[in-house]
Amino acid sequence: MIDLLLSEEQSFSVAETNLSSFVKRPVRVNGGAVLFCTAGRAVLSIGMQEHTIECDTEAVLLPDTVFLLVEASADFRVIFYASSTEVFDGAMQRLDAECFHYLESRPTLVHSGAAAERVRHLYAVVLGAGSETQNIYRSQIMYLLMRHILLEICDKVRRNYIREQEEGSHRRRELYDRFVKLIAGHFTERRDVAFYAGKLCISMSYLASVTRTLTGETPKETIDKWIVHEIKLMLLFSDLSLQQIADRMHFPDQSYLGRFFKRHTGSSPIAFRNAK
């Protein structure tokens, strides 16, 4: 493995390239880097995970990230902007830490429409500024451009993250509502969580995650609440015997019913009925 290490003398490097020097050659980014695909398609391994890079895709290589070029089309091109640790850390200063945690696992952003046009223009400015070797403020300009890029990325990540959270919340609520409807239709004969998870085409662990997030209960606790409530109604407002109630609720016998009810209420069915 080699290090992509920029010194104080070389605080940044920017070029339009096909990344051919990184083909199947792991590189550790000691500072930080961003890249924007201007043509073609490639697969980059970033932090041991492979990501497809196509035209108008932007990627962030955070400090100490290991990356390599796995494969690329003949016309693959990117604008690659790497900066030293000092420059990159300065550009990140006081930016949203949560944004960079997000980028550790999802380092690529795909742009489209007007947004893609703005990013293309920004990287063209970076490429042009990097080539102006006679500009006495070149280093400061490049620093500000790196900060500009990172601010734009943080804005997009923050908005995408919020949208994902909202979409995830909507999906959880929708699943929970379907779960409750299934309970209403089947709780008298089915008490097993696997049955409901199967009907919803999700895993039992995901169903548990949904119910805990929305109600603080496990799926079994939600099912049992419905069963206990129904037993209470029959004890209070019917003359059914315990065995008849057990039969209606598909318990093996009235003793099993009694144990189930007392475990959830602290009272036996007879004591609950007599206390009305």
C-alpha atoms as a PDB file:
ATOM      1  CA  MET A   1       0.000   0.000   0.000  1.00  0.00           C
ATOM      2  CA  ILE A   2       1.194   3.538  -0.754  1.00  0.00           C
ATOM      3  CA  ASP A   3       0.245   6.800   0.935  1.00  0.00           C
ATOM      4  CA  LEU A   4      -1.268   9.749  -0.872  1.00  0.00           C
ATOM      5  CA  LEU A   5       0.649  12.211   1.272  1.00  0.00           C
ATOM      6  CA  LEU A   6       0.803  15.923   0.569  1.00  0.00           C
ATOM      7  CA  SER A   7       3.337  18.060   2.412  1.00  0.00           C
ATOM      8  CA  GLU A   8       3.349  21.691   3.472  1.00  0.00           C
ATOM      9  CA  GLU A   9       5.231  22.420   0.272  1.00  0.00           C
ATOM     10  CA  GLN A  10       2.486  20.672  -1.716  1.00  0.00           C
ATOM     11  CA  SER A  11      -0.693  21.455   0.195  1.00  0.00           C
ATOM     12  CA  PHE A  12      -2.980  20.364  -2.628  1.00  0.00           C
ATOM     13  CA  SER A  13      -3.089  18.506  -5.922  1.00  0.00           C
ATOM     14  CA  VAL A  14      -5.799  18.840  -8.560  1.00  0.00           C
ATOM     15  CA  ALA A  15      -6.035  17.228 -11.979  1.00  0.00           C
ATOM     16  CA  GLU A  16      -8.419  15.765 -14.505  1.00  0.00           C
ATOM     17  CA  THR A  17      -7.398  12.103 -14.685  1.00  0.00           C
ATOM     18  CA  ASN A  18      -8.515   8.536 -15.320  1.00  0.00           C
ATOM     19  CA  LEU A  19      -6.960   7.405 -11.986  1.00  0.00           C
ATOM     20  CA  SER A  20      -4.936   4.800 -13.892  1.00  0.00           C
ATOM     21  CA  SER A  21      -2.088   5.052 -11.353  1.00  0.00           C
ATOM     22  CA  PHE A  22      -4.459   3.631  -8.724  1.00  0.00           C
ATOM     23  CA  VAL A  23      -5.605   0.533 -10.656  1.00  0.00           C
ATOM     24  CA  LYS A  24      -5.682  -2.343  -8.164  1.00  0.00           C
ATOM     25  CA  ARG A  25      -3.142  -0.433  -6.084  1.00  0.00           C
ATOM     26  CA  PRO A  26      -4.368   0.447  -2.568  1.00  0.00           C
ATOM     27  CA  VAL A  27      -3.781   4.046  -1.574  1.00  0.00           C
ATOM     28  CA  ARG A  28      -4.203   5.533   1.881  1.00  0.00           C
ATOM     29  CA  VAL A  29      -5.362   9.141   1.872  1.00  0.00           C
ATOM     30  CA  ASN A  30      -3.415  10.882   4.612  1.00  0.00           C
ATOM     31  CA  GLY A  31      -5.096  14.227   4.069  1.00  0.00           C
ATOM     32  CA  GLY A  32      -8.416  14.209   2.276  1.00  0.00           C
ATOM     33  CA  ALA A  33      -9.717  14.239  -1.266  1.00  0.00           C
ATOM     34  CA  VAL A  34     -12.817  14.769  -3.345  1.00  0.00           C
ATOM     35  CA  LEU A  35     -13.475  13.709  -6.897  1.00  0.00           C
ATOM     36  CA  PHE A  36     -16.134  14.332  -9.510  1.00  0.00           C
ATOM     37  CA  CYS A  37     -16.737  12.024 -12.466  1.00  0.00           C
ATOM     38  CA  THR A  38     -16.953  13.896 -15.756  1.00  0.00           C
ATOM     39  CA  ALA A  39     -17.194  10.905 -18.113  1.00  0.00           C
ATOM     40  CA  GLY A  40     -17.413   7.119 -18.240  1.00  0.00           C
ATOM     41  CA  ARG A  41     -17.907   4.645 -15.453  1.00  0.00           C
ATOM     42  CA  ALA A  42     -15.720   2.943 -12.847  1.00  0.00           C
ATOM     43  CA  VAL A  43     -15.810   0.894  -9.686  1.00  0.00           C
ATOM     44  CA  LEU A  44     -13.850   2.331  -6.777  1.00  0.00           C
ATOM     45  CA  SER A  45     -13.117   0.518  -3.549  1.00  0.00           C
ATOM     46  CA  ILE A  46     -13.458   3.127  -0.794  1.00  0.00           C
ATOM     47  CA  GLY A  47     -12.877   1.997   2.763  1.00  0.00           C
ATOM     48  CA  MET A  48     -13.072  -1.682   1.686  1.00  0.00           C
ATOM     49  CA  GLN A  49     -16.499  -1.205   0.054  1.00  0.00           C
ATOM     50  CA  GLU A  50     -17.026  -1.037  -3.708  1.00  0.00           C
ATOM     51  CA  HIS A  51     -18.901   1.922  -5.193  1.00  0.00           C
ATOM     52  CA  THR A  52     -19.925   2.536  -8.779  1.00  0.00           C
ATOM     53  CA  ILE A  53     -18.824   5.933 -10.067  1.00  0.00           C
ATOM     54  CA  GLU A  54     -20.550   7.333 -13.142  1.00  0.00           C
ATOM     55  CA  CYS A  55     -20.869  10.726 -14.790  1.00  0.00           C
ATOM     56  CA  ASP A  56     -21.981  13.419 -12.297  1.00  0.00           C
ATOM     57  CA  THR A  57     -21.078  11.254  -9.288  1.00  0.00           C
ATOM     58  CA  GLU A  58     -19.070  12.927  -6.548  1.00  0.00           C
ATOM     59  CA  ALA A  59     -17.044  11.043  -3.943  1.00  0.00           C
ATOM     60  CA  VAL A  60     -15.370  12.042  -0.693  1.00  0.00           C
ATOM     61  CA  LEU A  61     -12.198  10.327   0.517  1.00  0.00           C
ATOM     62  CA  LEU A  62     -11.924  11.159   4.215  1.00  0.00           C
ATOM     63  CA  PRO A  63      -8.558  11.155   6.027  1.00  0.00           C
ATOM     64  CA  ASP A  64      -7.030   7.663   6.368  1.00  0.00           C
ATOM     65  CA  THR A  65      -9.440   6.196   3.815  1.00  0.00           C
ATOM     66  CA  VAL A  66      -7.969   3.370   1.735  1.00  0.00           C
ATOM     67  CA  PHE A  67      -9.102   3.352  -1.872  1.00  0.00           C
ATOM     68  CA  LEU A  68      -8.225   1.804  -5.200  1.00  0.00           C
ATOM     69  CA  LEU A  69      -9.584   1.683  -8.722  1.00  0.00           C
ATOM     70  CA  VAL A  70     -11.114  -1.761  -9.305  1.00  0.00           C
ATOM     71  CA  GLU A  71     -12.162  -1.299 -12.924  1.00  0.00           C
ATOM     72  CA  ALA A  72     -12.987   1.512 -15.326  1.00  0.00           C
ATOM     73  CA  SER A  73     -14.341   2.147 -18.805  1.00  0.00           C
ATOM     74  CA  ALA A  74     -11.947   3.450 -21.452  1.00  0.00           C
ATOM     75  CA  ASP A  75     -13.504   6.929 -21.313  1.00  0.00           C
ATOM     76  CA  PHE A  76     -13.535   7.224 -17.508  1.00  0.00           C
ATOM     77  CA  ARG A  77     -12.430  10.661 -16.286  1.00  0.00           C
ATOM     78  CA  VAL A  78     -12.628  12.509 -12.966  1.00  0.00           C
ATOM     79  CA  ILE A  79     -11.515  15.820 -11.548  1.00  0.00           C
ATOM     80  CA  PHE A  80      -9.502  14.700  -8.525  1.00  0.00           C
ATOM     81  CA  TYR A  81      -8.724  17.228  -5.800  1.00  0.00           C
ATOM     82  CA  ALA A  82      -6.529  16.062  -2.903  1.00  0.00           C
ATOM     83  CA  SER A  83      -5.353  18.260  -0.058  1.00  0.00           C
ATOM     84  CA  SER A  84      -2.957  17.927   2.839  1.00  0.00           C
ATOM     85  CA  THR A  85      -4.157  17.041   6.324  1.00  0.00           C
ATOM     86  CA  GLU A  86      -3.745  20.665   7.402  1.00  0.00           C
ATOM     87  CA  VAL A  87      -5.833  22.007   4.524  1.00  0.00           C
ATOM     88  CA  PHE A  88      -8.528  19.337   4.741  1.00  0.00           C
ATOM     89  CA  ASP A  89      -8.860  19.581   8.534  1.00  0.00           C
ATOM     90  CA  GLY A  90      -9.084  23.359   8.254  1.00  0.00           C
ATOM     91  CA  ALA A  91     -11.760  23.104   5.560  1.00  0.00           C
ATOM     92  CA  MET A  92     -13.753  20.701   7.765  1.00  0.00           C
ATOM     93  CA  GLN A  93     -13.493  22.881  10.856  1.00  0.00           C
ATOM     94  CA  ARG A  94     -16.845  23.470  12.564  1.00  0.00           C
ATOM     95  CA  LEU A  95     -18.681  21.538   9.862  1.00  0.00           C
ATOM     96  CA  ASP A  96     -21.384  19.033  10.756  1.00  0.00           C
ATOM     97  CA  ALA A  97     -19.679  16.010  12.395  1.00  0.00           C
ATOM     98  CA  GLU A  98     -22.770  13.873  11.746  1.00  0.00           C
ATOM     99  CA  CYS A  99     -22.345  14.556   8.047  1.00  0.00           C
ATOM    100  CA  PHE A 100     -18.868  13.031   8.037  1.00  0.00           C
ATOM    101  CA  HIS A 101     -20.009   9.997  10.027  1.00  0.00           C
ATOM    102  CA  TYR A 102     -22.623   9.511   7.288  1.00  0.00           C
ATOM    103  CA  LEU A 103     -19.965   9.820   4.580  1.00  0.00           C
ATOM    104  CA  GLU A 104     -17.805   7.134   6.187  1.00  0.00           C
ATOM    105  CA  SER A 105     -20.302   4.496   5.028  1.00  0.00           C
ATOM    106  CA  ARG A 106     -21.825   6.362   2.060  1.00  0.00           C
ATOM    107  CA  PRO A 107     -19.025   8.393   0.467  1.00  0.00           C
ATOM    108  CA  THR A 108     -20.660   8.974  -2.944  1.00  0.00           C
ATOM    109  CA  LEU A 109     -23.320  11.426  -4.100  1.00  0.00           C
ATOM    110  CA  VAL A 110     -25.075  11.253  -7.467  1.00  0.00           C
ATOM    111  CA  HIS A 111     -26.138  14.622  -8.875  1.00  0.00           C
ATOM    112  CA  SER A 112     -28.666  15.361 -11.593  1.00  0.00           C
ATOM    113  CA  GLY A 113     -30.262  18.273 -13.400  1.00  0.00           C
ATOM    114  CA  ALA A 114     -29.426  21.785 -12.236  1.00  0.00           C
ATOM    115  CA  ALA A 115     -27.566  20.434  -9.188  1.00  0.00           C
ATOM    116  CA  ALA A 116     -25.218  18.457 -11.435  1.00  0.00           C
ATOM    117  CA  GLU A 117     -24.596  21.547 -13.555  1.00  0.00           C
ATOM    118  CA  ARG A 118     -23.630  23.575 -10.456  1.00  0.00           C
ATOM    119  CA  VAL A 119     -21.228  20.855  -9.263  1.00  0.00           C
ATOM    120  CA  ARG A 120     -19.665  20.588 -12.734  1.00  0.00           C
ATOM    121  CA  HIS A 121     -19.091  24.337 -12.706  1.00  0.00           C
ATOM    122  CA  LEU A 122     -17.577  24.251  -9.209  1.00  0.00           C
ATOM    123  CA  TYR A 123     -15.072  21.536 -10.124  1.00  0.00           C
ATOM    124  CA  ALA A 124     -14.200  23.378 -13.332  1.00  0.00           C
ATOM    125  CA  VAL A 125     -13.373  26.404 -11.176  1.00  0.00           C
ATOM    126  CA  VAL A 126     -11.235  24.180  -8.930  1.00  0.00           C
ATOM    127  CA  LEU A 127      -9.377  22.791 -11.946  1.00  0.00           C
ATOM    128  CA  GLY A 128      -8.811  26.293 -13.320  1.00  0.00           C
ATOM    129  CA  ALA A 129      -7.688  27.764  -9.996  1.00  0.00           C
ATOM    130  CA  GLY A 130      -5.290  24.889  -9.456  1.00  0.00           C
ATOM    131  CA  SER A 131      -3.578  25.617 -12.771  1.00  0.00           C
ATOM    132  CA  GLU A 132      -3.017  29.336 -12.027  1.00  0.00           C
ATOM    133  CA  THR A 133       0.482  28.895 -10.639  1.00  0.00           C
ATOM    134  CA  GLN A 134       1.253  32.618 -10.836  1.00  0.00           C
ATOM    135  CA  ASN A 135      -1.629  33.644  -8.580  1.00  0.00           C
ATOM    136  CA  ILE A 136      -0.088  34.714  -5.265  1.00  0.00           C
ATOM    137  CA  TYR A 137      -3.327  33.817  -3.442  1.00  0.00           C
ATOM    138  CA  ARG A 138      -3.588  30.409  -5.068  1.00  0.00           C
ATOM    139  CA  SER A 139      -3.221  28.407  -1.807  1.00  0.00           C
ATOM    140  CA  GLN A 140      -5.888  30.451  -0.026  1.00  0.00           C
ATOM    141  CA  ILE A 141      -8.230  30.132  -3.004  1.00  0.00           C
ATOM    142  CA  MET A 142      -7.768  26.354  -3.114  1.00  0.00           C
ATOM    143  CA  TYR A 143      -8.433  26.118   0.622  1.00  0.00           C
ATOM    144  CA  LEU A 144     -11.651  28.124   0.252  1.00  0.00           C
ATOM    145  CA  LEU A 145     -12.718  25.984  -2.712  1.00  0.00           C
ATOM    146  CA  MET A 146     -12.206  22.794  -0.674  1.00  0.00           C
ATOM    147  CA  ARG A 147     -14.312  24.298   2.104  1.00  0.00           C
ATOM    148  CA  HIS A 148     -16.935  25.319  -0.470  1.00  0.00           C
ATOM    149  CA  ILE A 149     -17.081  21.753  -1.810  1.00  0.00           C
ATOM    150  CA  LEU A 150     -17.368  20.262   1.676  1.00  0.00           C
ATOM    151  CA  LEU A 151     -20.111  22.723   2.658  1.00  0.00           C
ATOM    152  CA  GLU A 152     -22.086  21.814  -0.465  1.00  0.00           C
ATOM    153  CA  ILE A 153     -21.648  18.112   0.289  1.00  0.00           C
ATOM    154  CA  CYS A 154     -22.737  18.554   3.910  1.00  0.00           C
ATOM    155  CA  ASP A 155     -25.836  20.426   2.770  1.00  0.00           C
ATOM    156  CA  LYS A 156     -26.827  17.623   0.395  1.00  0.00           C
ATOM    157  CA  VAL A 157     -26.065  14.898   2.940  1.00  0.00           C
ATOM    158  CA  ARG A 158     -28.055  16.670   5.632  1.00  0.00           C
ATOM    159  CA  ARG A 159     -31.082  17.078   3.362  1.00  0.00           C
ATOM    160  CA  ASN A 160     -30.843  13.503   2.056  1.00  0.00           C
ATOM    161  CA  TYR A 161     -30.384  12.167   5.588  1.00  0.00           C
ATOM    162  CA  ILE A 162     -33.460  14.022   6.834  1.00  0.00           C
ATOM    163  CA  ARG A 163     -35.490  12.729   3.872  1.00  0.00           C
ATOM    164  CA  GLU A 164     -34.338   9.156   4.551  1.00  0.00           C
ATOM    165  CA  GLN A 165     -35.301   9.538   8.199  1.00  0.00           C
ATOM    166  CA  GLU A 166     -38.746  10.825   7.227  1.00  0.00           C
ATOM    167  CA  GLU A 167     -39.240   8.054   4.673  1.00  0.00           C
ATOM    168  CA  GLY A 168     -38.080   5.472   7.219  1.00  0.00           C
ATOM    169  CA  SER A 169     -40.492   6.867   9.805  1.00  0.00           C
ATOM    170  CA  HIS A 170     -43.368   6.720   7.316  1.00  0.00           C
ATOM    171  CA  ARG A 171     -42.529   3.113   6.414  1.00  0.00           C
ATOM    172  CA  ARG A 172     -42.346   2.117  10.090  1.00  0.00           C
ATOM    173  CA  ARG A 173     -45.729   3.711  10.792  1.00  0.00           C
ATOM    174  CA  GLU A 174     -47.254   2.014   7.764  1.00  0.00           C
ATOM    175  CA  LEU A 175     -45.866  -1.390   8.840  1.00  0.00           C
ATOM    176  CA  TYR A 176     -47.078  -0.907  12.399  1.00  0.00           C
ATOM    177  CA  ASP A 177     -50.599  -0.041  11.180  1.00  0.00           C
ATOM    178  CA  ARG A 178     -50.631  -3.186   9.036  1.00  0.00           C
ATOM    179  CA  PHE A 179     -49.361  -5.196  12.007  1.00  0.00           C
ATOM    180  CA  VAL A 180     -52.214  -3.920  14.196  1.00  0.00           C
ATOM    181  CA  LYS A 181     -54.778  -4.730  11.509  1.00  0.00           C
ATOM    182  CA  LEU A 182     -53.392  -8.265  11.284  1.00  0.00           C
ATOM    183  CA  ILE A 183     -53.618  -8.635  15.059  1.00  0.00           C
ATOM    184  CA  ALA A 184     -57.241  -7.481  14.973  1.00  0.00           C
ATOM    185  CA  GLY A 185     -58.044 -10.186  12.436  1.00  0.00           C
ATOM    186  CA  HIS A 186     -56.052 -13.071  13.935  1.00  0.00           C
ATOM    187  CA  PHE A 187     -55.257 -12.532  17.624  1.00  0.00           C
ATOM    188  CA  THR A 188     -57.874 -14.997  18.896  1.00  0.00           C
ATOM    189  CA  GLU A 189     -56.095 -17.888  17.187  1.00  0.00           C
ATOM    190  CA  ARG A 190     -52.505 -16.702  16.546  1.00  0.00           C
ATOM    191  CA  ARG A 191     -50.185 -15.438  19.279  1.00  0.00           C
ATOM    192  CA  ASP A 192     -46.811 -16.150  17.625  1.00  0.00           C
ATOM    193  CA  VAL A 193     -44.769 -13.223  16.306  1.00  0.00           C
ATOM    194  CA  ALA A 194     -43.432 -15.307  13.405  1.00  0.00           C
ATOM    195  CA  PHE A 195     -46.955 -15.533  11.929  1.00  0.00           C
ATOM    196  CA  TYR A 196     -47.359 -11.735  11.769  1.00  0.00           C
ATOM    197  CA  ALA A 197     -43.828 -11.093  10.535  1.00  0.00           C
ATOM    198  CA  GLY A 198     -44.423 -13.636   7.784  1.00  0.00           C
ATOM    199  CA  LYS A 199     -47.668 -11.956   6.763  1.00  0.00           C
ATOM    200  CA  LEU A 200     -45.830  -8.630   6.568  1.00  0.00           C
ATOM    201  CA  CYS A 201     -42.922 -10.220   4.654  1.00  0.00           C
ATOM    202  CA  ILE A 202     -40.350  -8.893   7.137  1.00  0.00           C
ATOM    203  CA  SER A 203     -38.096 -10.489   9.737  1.00  0.00           C
ATOM    204  CA  MET A 204     -39.158 -10.809  13.359  1.00  0.00           C
ATOM    205  CA  SER A 205     -36.200  -8.629  14.378  1.00  0.00           C
ATOM    206  CA  TYR A 206     -37.285  -5.835  12.025  1.00  0.00           C
ATOM    207  CA  LEU A 207     -40.858  -6.054  13.305  1.00  0.00           C
ATOM    208  CA  ALA A 208     -39.458  -5.783  16.839  1.00  0.00           C
ATOM    209  CA  SER A 209     -37.455  -2.721  15.807  1.00  0.00           C
ATOM    210  CA  VAL A 210     -40.580  -1.081  14.377  1.00  0.00           C
ATOM    211  CA  THR A 211     -42.782  -1.695  17.418  1.00  0.00           C
ATOM    212  CA  ARG A 212     -40.089  -0.660  19.896  1.00  0.00           C
ATOM    213  CA  THR A 213     -39.416   2.563  17.969  1.00  0.00           C
ATOM    214  CA  LEU A 214     -43.084   3.546  17.786  1.00  0.00           C
ATOM    215  CA  THR A 215     -44.513   2.176  21.034  1.00  0.00           C
ATOM    216  CA  GLY A 216     -41.691   0.960  23.243  1.00  0.00           C
ATOM    217  CA  GLU A 217     -43.247  -2.521  23.180  1.00  0.00           C
ATOM    218  CA  THR A 218     -42.144  -5.802  21.671  1.00  0.00           C
ATOM    219  CA  PRO A 219     -44.451  -7.385  19.059  1.00  0.00           C
ATOM    220  CA  LYS A 220     -45.375 -10.105  21.604  1.00  0.00           C
ATOM    221  CA  GLU A 221     -46.375  -7.486  24.172  1.00  0.00           C
ATOM    222  CA  THR A 222     -48.609  -5.803  21.587  1.00  0.00           C
ATOM    223  CA  ILE A 223     -50.283  -9.096  20.655  1.00  0.00           C
ATOM    224  CA  ASP A 224     -50.740 -10.100  24.295  1.00  0.00           C
ATOM    225  CA  LYS A 225     -52.341  -6.751  25.129  1.00  0.00           C
ATOM    226  CA  TRP A 226     -55.040  -7.443  22.568  1.00  0.00           C
ATOM    227  CA  ILE A 227     -55.601 -10.933  23.956  1.00  0.00           C
ATOM    228  CA  VAL A 228     -55.784  -9.753  27.580  1.00  0.00           C
ATOM    229  CA  HIS A 229     -58.200  -6.978  26.635  1.00  0.00           C
ATOM    230  CA  GLU A 230     -60.493  -9.438  24.853  1.00  0.00           C
ATOM    231  CA  ILE A 231     -60.446 -11.842  27.811  1.00  0.00           C
ATOM    232  CA  LYS A 232     -61.313  -8.974  30.152  1.00  0.00           C
ATOM    233  CA  LEU A 233     -64.300  -8.026  27.975  1.00  0.00           C
ATOM    234  CA  MET A 234     -65.621 -11.605  28.024  1.00  0.00           C
ATOM    235  CA  LEU A 235     -65.112 -11.875  31.793  1.00  0.00           C
ATOM    236  CA  LEU A 236     -66.891  -8.588  32.442  1.00  0.00           C
ATOM    237  CA  PHE A 237     -69.680  -8.602  29.882  1.00  0.00           C
ATOM    238  CA  SER A 238     -70.548 -12.261  29.200  1.00  0.00           C
ATOM    239  CA  ASP A 239     -71.576 -15.363  31.091  1.00  0.00           C
ATOM    240  CA  LEU A 240     -69.109 -17.558  29.268  1.00  0.00           C
ATOM    241  CA  SER A 241     -67.292 -20.092  31.420  1.00  0.00           C
ATOM    242  CA  LEU A 242     -63.514 -20.051  31.627  1.00  0.00           C
ATOM    243  CA  GLN A 243     -63.374 -23.128  29.425  1.00  0.00           C
ATOM    244  CA  GLN A 244     -65.595 -21.451  26.807  1.00  0.00           C
ATOM    245  CA  ILE A 245     -63.373 -18.381  26.865  1.00  0.00           C
ATOM    246  CA  ALA A 246     -60.297 -20.616  26.555  1.00  0.00           C
ATOM    247  CA  ASP A 247     -61.901 -22.314  23.546  1.00  0.00           C
ATOM    248  CA  ARG A 248     -62.734 -18.997  21.884  1.00  0.00           C
ATOM    249  CA  MET A 249     -59.195 -17.733  22.410  1.00  0.00           C
ATOM    250  CA  HIS A 250     -57.656 -21.029  21.282  1.00  0.00           C
ATOM    251  CA  PHE A 251     -55.931 -21.807  24.588  1.00  0.00           C
ATOM    252  CA  PRO A 252     -55.274 -25.500  25.286  1.00  0.00           C
ATOM    253  CA  ASP A 253     -57.445 -25.397  28.415  1.00  0.00           C
ATOM    254  CA  GLN A 254     -58.746 -23.055  31.116  1.00  0.00           C
ATOM    255  CA  SER A 255     -55.710 -23.636  33.348  1.00  0.00           C
ATOM    256  CA  TYR A 256     -53.416 -22.333  30.599  1.00  0.00           C
ATOM    257  CA  LEU A 257     -55.773 -19.372  30.164  1.00  0.00           C
ATOM    258  CA  GLY A 258     -55.665 -18.697  33.903  1.00  0.00           C
ATOM    259  CA  ARG A 259     -51.865 -18.694  34.015  1.00  0.00           C
ATOM    260  CA  PHE A 260     -51.624 -16.446  30.973  1.00  0.00           C
ATOM    261  CA  PHE A 261     -54.141 -13.963  32.389  1.00  0.00           C
ATOM    262  CA  LYS A 262     -52.558 -13.810  35.848  1.00  0.00           C
ATOM    263  CA  ARG A 263     -49.081 -13.345  34.380  1.00  0.00           C
ATOM    264  CA  HIS A 264     -50.275 -10.256  32.536  1.00  0.00           C
ATOM    265  CA  THR A 265     -52.703  -8.766  35.068  1.00  0.00           C
ATOM    266  CA  GLY A 266     -51.629 -10.101  38.461  1.00  0.00           C
ATOM    267  CA  SER A 267     -55.141 -11.443  38.998  1.00  0.00           C
ATOM    268  CA  SER A 268     -56.838 -14.738  38.248  1.00  0.00           C
ATOM    269  CA  PRO A 269     -59.771 -14.672  35.777  1.00  0.00           C
ATOM    270  CA  ILE A 270     -62.251 -15.590  38.538  1.00  0.00           C
ATOM    271  CA  ALA A 271     -60.963 -12.859  40.877  1.00  0.00           C
ATOM    272  CA  PHE A 272     -61.133 -10.316  38.045  1.00  0.00           C
ATOM    273  CA  ARG A 273     -64.710 -11.322  37.185  1.00  0.00           C
ATOM    274  CA  ASN A 274     -65.865 -11.251  40.826  1.00  0.00           C
ATOM    275  CA  ALA A 275     -64.379  -7.815  41.353  1.00  0.00           C
ATOM    276  CA  LYS A 276     -66.567  -6.169  38.715  1.00  0.00           C
END
